[in-house]
Amino acid sequence: MRTITASEARQEFADVIEAARREPVIIQRQKRDVVVVMSVDEYERLVHLNVAEFQRFSDRVGAKAQEAGMTEDVLRELLDRED
């Protein structure tokens, strides 16, 4: 992964875009990483990965709740009590 300064990124923006199409580019300000520039394909891959991971988590929680006797009817009762 390439790392450049914010000043370099401003001066060589077209090059940063081309580099980011191949791999993420870290931009630093005052020697601290502040942003990452990446391709749209990589961004979409990460978003879909997070959605899939959240779905797996939700499925695990749902299965445990079901094993513990939680049903939609029980959940409705609990929610009705709160109102």
PDB file of N, CA and C in Angstrom:
ATOM      1  N   MET A   1       0.847  -1.168   0.000  1.00  0.00           N
ATOM      2  CA  MET A   1       0.000   0.000   0.000  1.00  0.00           C
ATOM      3  C   MET A   1       0.896   1.235   0.000  1.00  0.00           C
ATOM      4  N   ARG A   2       0.600   2.131  -0.881  1.00  0.00           N
ATOM      5  CA  ARG A   2       1.401   3.343  -1.032  1.00  0.00           C
ATOM      6  C   ARG A   2       0.972   4.395  -0.003  1.00  0.00           C
ATOM      7  N   THR A   3       1.931   5.131   0.527  1.00  0.00           N
ATOM      8  CA  THR A   3       1.665   6.213   1.466  1.00  0.00           C
ATOM      9  C   THR A   3       2.289   7.486   0.927  1.00  0.00           C
ATOM     10  N   ILE A   4       1.500   8.566   0.916  1.00  0.00           N
ATOM     11  CA  ILE A   4       2.009   9.862   0.453  1.00  0.00           C
ATOM     12  C   ILE A   4       1.523  10.960   1.394  1.00  0.00           C
ATOM     13  N   THR A   5       2.139  12.116   1.288  1.00  0.00           N
ATOM     14  CA  THR A   5       1.722  13.257   2.103  1.00  0.00           C
ATOM     15  C   THR A   5       0.541  13.951   1.434  1.00  0.00           C
ATOM     16  N   ALA A   6      -0.175  14.749   2.217  1.00  0.00           N
ATOM     17  CA  ALA A   6      -1.300  15.509   1.677  1.00  0.00           C
ATOM     18  C   ALA A   6      -0.821  16.476   0.598  1.00  0.00           C
ATOM     19  N   SER A   7       0.348  17.060   0.787  1.00  0.00           N
ATOM     20  CA  SER A   7       0.899  17.979  -0.224  1.00  0.00           C
ATOM     21  C   SER A   7       1.152  17.249  -1.535  1.00  0.00           C
ATOM     22  N   GLU A   8       1.737  16.060  -1.451  1.00  0.00           N
ATOM     23  CA  GLU A   8       1.978  15.266  -2.657  1.00  0.00           C
ATOM     24  C   GLU A   8       0.654  14.911  -3.333  1.00  0.00           C
ATOM     25  N   ALA A   9      -0.351  14.573  -2.532  1.00  0.00           N
ATOM     26  CA  ALA A   9      -1.650  14.197  -3.090  1.00  0.00           C
ATOM     27  C   ALA A   9      -2.267  15.362  -3.864  1.00  0.00           C
ATOM     28  N   ARG A  10      -2.129  16.569  -3.322  1.00  0.00           N
ATOM     29  CA  ARG A  10      -2.659  17.746  -4.025  1.00  0.00           C
ATOM     30  C   ARG A  10      -1.928  17.974  -5.345  1.00  0.00           C
ATOM     31  N   GLN A  11      -0.616  17.858  -5.296  1.00  0.00           N
ATOM     32  CA  GLN A  11       0.193  18.144  -6.483  1.00  0.00           C
ATOM     33  C   GLN A  11       0.071  17.053  -7.550  1.00  0.00           C
ATOM     34  N   GLU A  12      -0.182  15.823  -7.126  1.00  0.00           N
ATOM     35  CA  GLU A  12      -0.189  14.683  -8.051  1.00  0.00           C
ATOM     36  C   GLU A  12      -1.521  13.933  -8.005  1.00  0.00           C
ATOM     37  N   PHE A  13      -2.624  14.695  -7.972  1.00  0.00           N
ATOM     38  CA  PHE A  13      -3.929  14.077  -7.769  1.00  0.00           C
ATOM     39  C   PHE A  13      -4.253  13.023  -8.836  1.00  0.00           C
ATOM     40  N   ALA A  14      -3.961  13.309 -10.089  1.00  0.00           N
ATOM     41  CA  ALA A  14      -4.241  12.331 -11.162  1.00  0.00           C
ATOM     42  C   ALA A  14      -3.469  11.038 -10.921  1.00  0.00           C
ATOM     43  N   ASP A  15      -2.231  11.160 -10.453  1.00  0.00           N
ATOM     44  CA  ASP A  15      -1.431   9.958 -10.155  1.00  0.00           C
ATOM     45  C   ASP A  15      -2.010   9.182  -8.973  1.00  0.00           C
ATOM     46  N   VAL A  16      -2.533   9.918  -7.985  1.00  0.00           N
ATOM     47  CA  VAL A  16      -3.140   9.262  -6.816  1.00  0.00           C
ATOM     48  C   VAL A  16      -4.354   8.444  -7.260  1.00  0.00           C
ATOM     49  N   ILE A  17      -5.164   9.020  -8.134  1.00  0.00           N
ATOM     50  CA  ILE A  17      -6.341   8.311  -8.632  1.00  0.00           C
ATOM     51  C   ILE A  17      -5.922   7.033  -9.362  1.00  0.00           C
ATOM     52  N   GLU A  18      -4.931   7.134 -10.211  1.00  0.00           N
ATOM     53  CA  GLU A  18      -4.465   5.947 -10.947  1.00  0.00           C
ATOM     54  C   GLU A  18      -3.894   4.895 -10.000  1.00  0.00           C
ATOM     55  N   ALA A  19      -3.129   5.329  -9.018  1.00  0.00           N
ATOM     56  CA  ALA A  19      -2.547   4.379  -8.055  1.00  0.00           C
ATOM     57  C   ALA A  19      -3.651   3.694  -7.245  1.00  0.00           C
ATOM     58  N   ALA A  20      -4.684   4.456  -6.878  1.00  0.00           N
ATOM     59  CA  ALA A  20      -5.773   3.916  -6.058  1.00  0.00           C
ATOM     60  C   ALA A  20      -6.597   2.883  -6.833  1.00  0.00           C
ATOM     61  N   ARG A  21      -6.559   2.938  -8.142  1.00  0.00           N
ATOM     62  CA  ARG A  21      -7.267   1.919  -8.936  1.00  0.00           C
ATOM     63  C   ARG A  21      -6.599   0.558  -8.776  1.00  0.00           C
ATOM     64  N   ARG A  22      -5.298   0.556  -8.454  1.00  0.00           N
ATOM     65  CA  ARG A  22      -4.548  -0.692  -8.289  1.00  0.00           C
ATOM     66  C   ARG A  22      -4.514  -1.158  -6.835  1.00  0.00           C
ATOM     67  N   GLU A  23      -4.383  -0.203  -5.917  1.00  0.00           N
ATOM     68  CA  GLU A  23      -4.315  -0.522  -4.489  1.00  0.00           C
ATOM     69  C   GLU A  23      -4.657   0.721  -3.683  1.00  0.00           C
ATOM     70  N   PRO A  24      -5.132   0.564  -2.442  1.00  0.00           N
ATOM     71  CA  PRO A  24      -5.440   1.733  -1.614  1.00  0.00           C
ATOM     72  C   PRO A  24      -4.199   2.605  -1.399  1.00  0.00           C
ATOM     73  N   VAL A  25      -4.420   3.897  -1.308  1.00  0.00           N
ATOM     74  CA  VAL A  25      -3.343   4.863  -1.075  1.00  0.00           C
ATOM     75  C   VAL A  25      -3.643   5.595   0.230  1.00  0.00           C
ATOM     76  N   ILE A  26      -2.692   5.568   1.150  1.00  0.00           N
ATOM     77  CA  ILE A  26      -2.832   6.281   2.421  1.00  0.00           C
ATOM     78  C   ILE A  26      -2.281   7.684   2.243  1.00  0.00           C
ATOM     79  N   ILE A  27      -3.027   8.663   2.730  1.00  0.00           N
ATOM     80  CA  ILE A  27      -2.553  10.046   2.685  1.00  0.00           C
ATOM     81  C   ILE A  27      -2.313  10.499   4.114  1.00  0.00           C
ATOM     82  N   GLN A  28      -1.119  11.053   4.332  1.00  0.00           N
ATOM     83  CA  GLN A  28      -0.726  11.504   5.667  1.00  0.00           C
ATOM     84  C   GLN A  28      -0.691  13.021   5.750  1.00  0.00           C
ATOM     85  N   ARG A  29      -1.014  13.505   6.935  1.00  0.00           N
ATOM     86  CA  ARG A  29      -0.862  14.916   7.245  1.00  0.00           C
ATOM     87  C   ARG A  29      -0.088  14.975   8.555  1.00  0.00           C
ATOM     88  N   GLN A  30       0.993  15.703   8.555  1.00  0.00           N
ATOM     89  CA  GLN A  30       1.866  15.815   9.733  1.00  0.00           C
ATOM     90  C   GLN A  30       2.254  14.433  10.268  1.00  0.00           C
ATOM     91  N   LYS A  31       2.649  13.559   9.343  1.00  0.00           N
ATOM     92  CA  LYS A  31       3.138  12.209   9.630  1.00  0.00           C
ATOM     93  C   LYS A  31       2.097  11.292  10.283  1.00  0.00           C
ATOM     94  N   ARG A  32       0.811  11.657  10.150  1.00  0.00           N
ATOM     95  CA  ARG A  32      -0.260  10.802  10.672  1.00  0.00           C
ATOM     96  C   ARG A  32      -1.149  10.380   9.509  1.00  0.00           C
ATOM     97  N   ASP A  33      -1.540   9.113   9.485  1.00  0.00           N
ATOM     98  CA  ASP A  33      -2.463   8.638   8.465  1.00  0.00           C
ATOM     99  C   ASP A  33      -3.813   9.305   8.701  1.00  0.00           C
ATOM    100  N   VAL A  34      -4.351   9.949   7.659  1.00  0.00           N
ATOM    101  CA  VAL A  34      -5.637  10.634   7.828  1.00  0.00           C
ATOM    102  C   VAL A  34      -6.742  10.116   6.913  1.00  0.00           C
ATOM    103  N   VAL A  35      -6.404   9.669   5.713  1.00  0.00           N
ATOM    104  CA  VAL A  35      -7.421   9.133   4.809  1.00  0.00           C
ATOM    105  C   VAL A  35      -6.820   8.028   3.952  1.00  0.00           C
ATOM    106  N   VAL A  36      -7.733   7.246   3.387  1.00  0.00           N
ATOM    107  CA  VAL A  36      -7.338   6.227   2.420  1.00  0.00           C
ATOM    108  C   VAL A  36      -8.156   6.463   1.159  1.00  0.00           C
ATOM    109  N   VAL A  37      -7.486   6.483   0.036  1.00  0.00           N
ATOM    110  CA  VAL A  37      -8.160   6.584  -1.256  1.00  0.00           C
ATOM    111  C   VAL A  37      -8.126   5.187  -1.869  1.00  0.00           C
ATOM    112  N   MET A  38      -9.310   4.719  -2.291  1.00  0.00           N
ATOM    113  CA  MET A  38      -9.374   3.376  -2.872  1.00  0.00           C
ATOM    114  C   MET A  38     -10.323   3.363  -4.059  1.00  0.00           C
ATOM    115  N   SER A  39     -10.221   2.324  -4.841  1.00  0.00           N
ATOM    116  CA  SER A  39     -11.090   2.188  -6.002  1.00  0.00           C
ATOM    117  C   SER A  39     -12.527   1.931  -5.556  1.00  0.00           C
ATOM    118  N   VAL A  40     -13.460   2.235  -6.428  1.00  0.00           N
ATOM    119  CA  VAL A  40     -14.863   1.960  -6.146  1.00  0.00           C
ATOM    120  C   VAL A  40     -15.074   0.456  -5.990  1.00  0.00           C
ATOM    121  N   ASP A  41     -14.406  -0.337  -6.779  1.00  0.00           N
ATOM    122  CA  ASP A  41     -14.540  -1.799  -6.661  1.00  0.00           C
ATOM    123  C   ASP A  41     -14.143  -2.279  -5.274  1.00  0.00           C
ATOM    124  N   GLU A  42     -13.031  -1.766  -4.763  1.00  0.00           N
ATOM    125  CA  GLU A  42     -12.574  -2.167  -3.423  1.00  0.00           C
ATOM    126  C   GLU A  42     -13.551  -1.684  -2.357  1.00  0.00           C
ATOM    127  N   TYR A  43     -14.033  -0.463  -2.489  1.00  0.00           N
ATOM    128  CA  TYR A  43     -15.006   0.082  -1.544  1.00  0.00           C
ATOM    129  C   TYR A  43     -16.262  -0.791  -1.517  1.00  0.00           C
ATOM    130  N   GLU A  44     -16.798  -1.122  -2.690  1.00  0.00           N
ATOM    131  CA  GLU A  44     -18.006  -1.943  -2.756  1.00  0.00           C
ATOM    132  C   GLU A  44     -17.760  -3.340  -2.192  1.00  0.00           C
ATOM    133  N   ARG A  45     -16.576  -3.888  -2.416  1.00  0.00           N
ATOM    134  CA  ARG A  45     -16.244  -5.193  -1.848  1.00  0.00           C
ATOM    135  C   ARG A  45     -16.293  -5.146  -0.327  1.00  0.00           C
ATOM    136  N   LEU A  46     -15.737  -4.084   0.251  1.00  0.00           N
ATOM    137  CA  LEU A  46     -15.729  -3.947   1.709  1.00  0.00           C
ATOM    138  C   LEU A  46     -17.131  -3.735   2.266  1.00  0.00           C
ATOM    139  N   VAL A  47     -17.932  -2.930   1.587  1.00  0.00           N
ATOM    140  CA  VAL A  47     -19.302  -2.700   2.045  1.00  0.00           C
ATOM    141  C   VAL A  47     -20.088  -4.007   2.033  1.00  0.00           C
ATOM    142  N   HIS A  48     -19.987  -4.766   0.944  1.00  0.00           N
ATOM    143  CA  HIS A  48     -20.719  -6.030   0.860  1.00  0.00           C
ATOM    144  C   HIS A  48     -20.203  -7.040   1.875  1.00  0.00           C
ATOM    145  N   LEU A  49     -18.916  -7.018   2.128  1.00  0.00           N
ATOM    146  CA  LEU A  49     -18.332  -7.905   3.142  1.00  0.00           C
ATOM    147  C   LEU A  49     -18.936  -7.587   4.504  1.00  0.00           C
ATOM    148  N   ASN A  50     -19.051  -6.291   4.833  1.00  0.00           N
ATOM    149  CA  ASN A  50     -19.630  -5.896   6.117  1.00  0.00           C
ATOM    150  C   ASN A  50     -21.098  -6.275   6.211  1.00  0.00           C
ATOM    151  N   VAL A  51     -21.835  -6.128   5.129  1.00  0.00           N
ATOM    152  CA  VAL A  51     -23.249  -6.512   5.125  1.00  0.00           C
ATOM    153  C   VAL A  51     -23.375  -8.013   5.356  1.00  0.00           C
ATOM    154  N   ALA A  52     -22.557  -8.790   4.676  1.00  0.00           N
ATOM    155  CA  ALA A  52     -22.601 -10.245   4.839  1.00  0.00           C
ATOM    156  C   ALA A  52     -22.232 -10.649   6.261  1.00  0.00           C
ATOM    157  N   GLU A  53     -21.230 -10.006   6.833  1.00  0.00           N
ATOM    158  CA  GLU A  53     -20.816 -10.313   8.209  1.00  0.00           C
ATOM    159  C   GLU A  53     -21.936  -9.960   9.191  1.00  0.00           C
ATOM    160  N   PHE A  54     -22.609  -8.823   8.978  1.00  0.00           N
ATOM    161  CA  PHE A  54     -23.714  -8.438   9.850  1.00  0.00           C
ATOM    162  C   PHE A  54     -24.853  -9.455   9.743  1.00  0.00           C
ATOM    163  N   GLN A  55     -25.123  -9.930   8.544  1.00  0.00           N
ATOM    164  CA  GLN A  55     -26.178 -10.929   8.360  1.00  0.00           C
ATOM    165  C   GLN A  55     -25.832 -12.218   9.113  1.00  0.00           C
ATOM    166  N   ARG A  56     -24.574 -12.648   9.041  1.00  0.00           N
ATOM    167  CA  ARG A  56     -24.158 -13.852   9.779  1.00  0.00           C
ATOM    168  C   ARG A  56     -24.320 -13.640  11.285  1.00  0.00           C
ATOM    169  N   PHE A  57     -23.947 -12.461  11.772  1.00  0.00           N
ATOM    170  CA  PHE A  57     -24.101 -12.134  13.193  1.00  0.00           C
ATOM    171  C   PHE A  57     -25.578 -12.181  13.588  1.00  0.00           C
ATOM    172  N   SER A  58     -26.428 -11.552  12.772  1.00  0.00           N
ATOM    173  CA  SER A  58     -27.869 -11.531  13.062  1.00  0.00           C
ATOM    174  C   SER A  58     -28.441 -12.948  13.080  1.00  0.00           C
ATOM    175  N   ASP A  59     -28.007 -13.771  12.154  1.00  0.00           N
ATOM    176  CA  ASP A  59     -28.478 -15.157  12.112  1.00  0.00           C
ATOM    177  C   ASP A  59     -28.075 -15.917  13.371  1.00  0.00           C
ATOM    178  N   ARG A  60     -26.837 -15.698  13.845  1.00  0.00           N
ATOM    179  CA  ARG A  60     -26.377 -16.365  15.076  1.00  0.00           C
ATOM    180  C   ARG A  60     -27.198 -15.911  16.281  1.00  0.00           C
ATOM    181  N   VAL A  61     -27.436 -14.608  16.393  1.00  0.00           N
ATOM    182  CA  VAL A  61     -28.218 -14.084  17.516  1.00  0.00           C
ATOM    183  C   VAL A  61     -29.644 -14.618  17.455  1.00  0.00           C
ATOM    184  N   GLY A  62     -30.221 -14.631  16.259  1.00  0.00           N
ATOM    185  CA  GLY A  62     -31.575 -15.148  16.091  1.00  0.00           C
ATOM    186  C   GLY A  62     -31.681 -16.614  16.477  1.00  0.00           C
ATOM    187  N   ALA A  63     -30.699 -17.401  16.096  1.00  0.00           N
ATOM    188  CA  ALA A  63     -30.703 -18.825  16.427  1.00  0.00           C
ATOM    189  C   ALA A  63     -30.618 -19.027  17.942  1.00  0.00           C
ATOM    190  N   LYS A  64     -29.774 -18.244  18.599  1.00  0.00           N
ATOM    191  CA  LYS A  64     -29.655 -18.360  20.064  1.00  0.00           C
ATOM    192  C   LYS A  64     -30.953 -17.933  20.748  1.00  0.00           C
ATOM    193  N   ALA A  65     -31.579 -16.889  20.247  1.00  0.00           N
ATOM    194  CA  ALA A  65     -32.844 -16.440  20.828  1.00  0.00           C
ATOM    195  C   ALA A  65     -33.915 -17.506  20.657  1.00  0.00           C
ATOM    196  N   GLN A  66     -33.939 -18.108  19.499  1.00  0.00           N
ATOM    197  CA  GLN A  66     -34.917 -19.162  19.241  1.00  0.00           C
ATOM    198  C   GLN A  66     -34.680 -20.362  20.160  1.00  0.00           C
ATOM    199  N   GLU A  67     -33.411 -20.727  20.347  1.00  0.00           N
ATOM    200  CA  GLU A  67     -33.071 -21.827  21.258  1.00  0.00           C
ATOM    201  C   GLU A  67     -33.517 -21.520  22.685  1.00  0.00           C
ATOM    202  N   ALA A  68     -33.508 -20.246  23.057  1.00  0.00           N
ATOM    203  CA  ALA A  68     -33.894 -19.838  24.405  1.00  0.00           C
ATOM    204  C   ALA A  68     -35.408 -19.684  24.543  1.00  0.00           C
ATOM    205  N   GLY A  69     -36.146 -19.978  23.461  1.00  0.00           N
ATOM    206  CA  GLY A  69     -37.598 -19.916  23.547  1.00  0.00           C
ATOM    207  C   GLY A  69     -38.202 -18.605  23.070  1.00  0.00           C
ATOM    208  N   MET A  70     -37.407 -17.745  22.504  1.00  0.00           N
ATOM    209  CA  MET A  70     -37.921 -16.475  22.009  1.00  0.00           C
ATOM    210  C   MET A  70     -38.643 -16.708  20.686  1.00  0.00           C
ATOM    211  N   THR A  71     -39.895 -16.297  20.646  1.00  0.00           N
ATOM    212  CA  THR A  71     -40.676 -16.378  19.415  1.00  0.00           C
ATOM    213  C   THR A  71     -41.189 -14.986  19.086  1.00  0.00           C
ATOM    214  N   GLU A  72     -41.804 -14.825  17.928  1.00  0.00           N
ATOM    215  CA  GLU A  72     -42.375 -13.526  17.574  1.00  0.00           C
ATOM    216  C   GLU A  72     -43.486 -13.143  18.540  1.00  0.00           C
ATOM    217  N   ASP A  73     -44.268 -14.125  18.993  1.00  0.00           N
ATOM    218  CA  ASP A  73     -45.348 -13.839  19.943  1.00  0.00           C
ATOM    219  C   ASP A  73     -44.788 -13.339  21.272  1.00  0.00           C
ATOM    220  N   VAL A  74     -43.741 -13.991  21.767  1.00  0.00           N
ATOM    221  CA  VAL A  74     -43.118 -13.568  23.024  1.00  0.00           C
ATOM    222  C   VAL A  74     -42.547 -12.155  22.868  1.00  0.00           C
ATOM    223  N   LEU A  75     -41.910 -11.908  21.759  1.00  0.00           N
ATOM    224  CA  LEU A  75     -41.340 -10.587  21.508  1.00  0.00           C
ATOM    225  C   LEU A  75     -42.434  -9.524  21.447  1.00  0.00           C
ATOM    226  N   ARG A  76     -43.548  -9.825  20.783  1.00  0.00           N
ATOM    227  CA  ARG A  76     -44.668  -8.873  20.721  1.00  0.00           C
ATOM    228  C   ARG A  76     -45.190  -8.566  22.122  1.00  0.00           C
ATOM    229  N   GLU A  77     -45.320  -9.589  22.960  1.00  0.00           N
ATOM    230  CA  GLU A  77     -45.788  -9.389  24.340  1.00  0.00           C
ATOM    231  C   GLU A  77     -44.848  -8.447  25.080  1.00  0.00           C
ATOM    232  N   LEU A  78     -43.565  -8.690  24.946  1.00  0.00           N
ATOM    233  CA  LEU A  78     -42.602  -7.832  25.627  1.00  0.00           C
ATOM    234  C   LEU A  78     -42.682  -6.395  25.140  1.00  0.00           C
ATOM    235  N   LEU A  79     -42.824  -6.214  23.857  1.00  0.00           N
ATOM    236  CA  LEU A  79     -42.916  -4.859  23.296  1.00  0.00           C
ATOM    237  C   LEU A  79     -44.212  -4.182  23.704  1.00  0.00           C
ATOM    238  N   ASP A  80     -45.311  -4.942  23.770  1.00  0.00           N
ATOM    239  CA  ASP A  80     -46.582  -4.369  24.185  1.00  0.00           C
ATOM    240  C   ASP A  80     -46.533  -3.900  25.624  1.00  0.00           C
ATOM    241  N   ARG A  81     -45.814  -4.617  26.468  1.00  0.00           N
ATOM    242  CA  ARG A  81     -45.681  -4.223  27.871  1.00  0.00           C
ATOM    243  C   ARG A  81     -44.967  -2.883  28.027  1.00  0.00           C
ATOM    244  N   GLU A  82     -44.034  -2.622  27.118  1.00  0.00           N
ATOM    245  CA  GLU A  82     -43.266  -1.361  27.192  1.00  0.00           C
ATOM    246  C   GLU A  82     -44.119  -0.167  26.811  1.00  0.00           C
ATOM    247  N   ASP A  83     -45.141  -0.359  26.006  1.00  0.00           N
ATOM    248  CA  ASP A  83     -46.000   0.763  25.563  1.00  0.00           C
ATOM    249  C   ASP A  83     -46.920   1.176  26.613  1.00  0.00           C
TER     250      ASP A  83
END
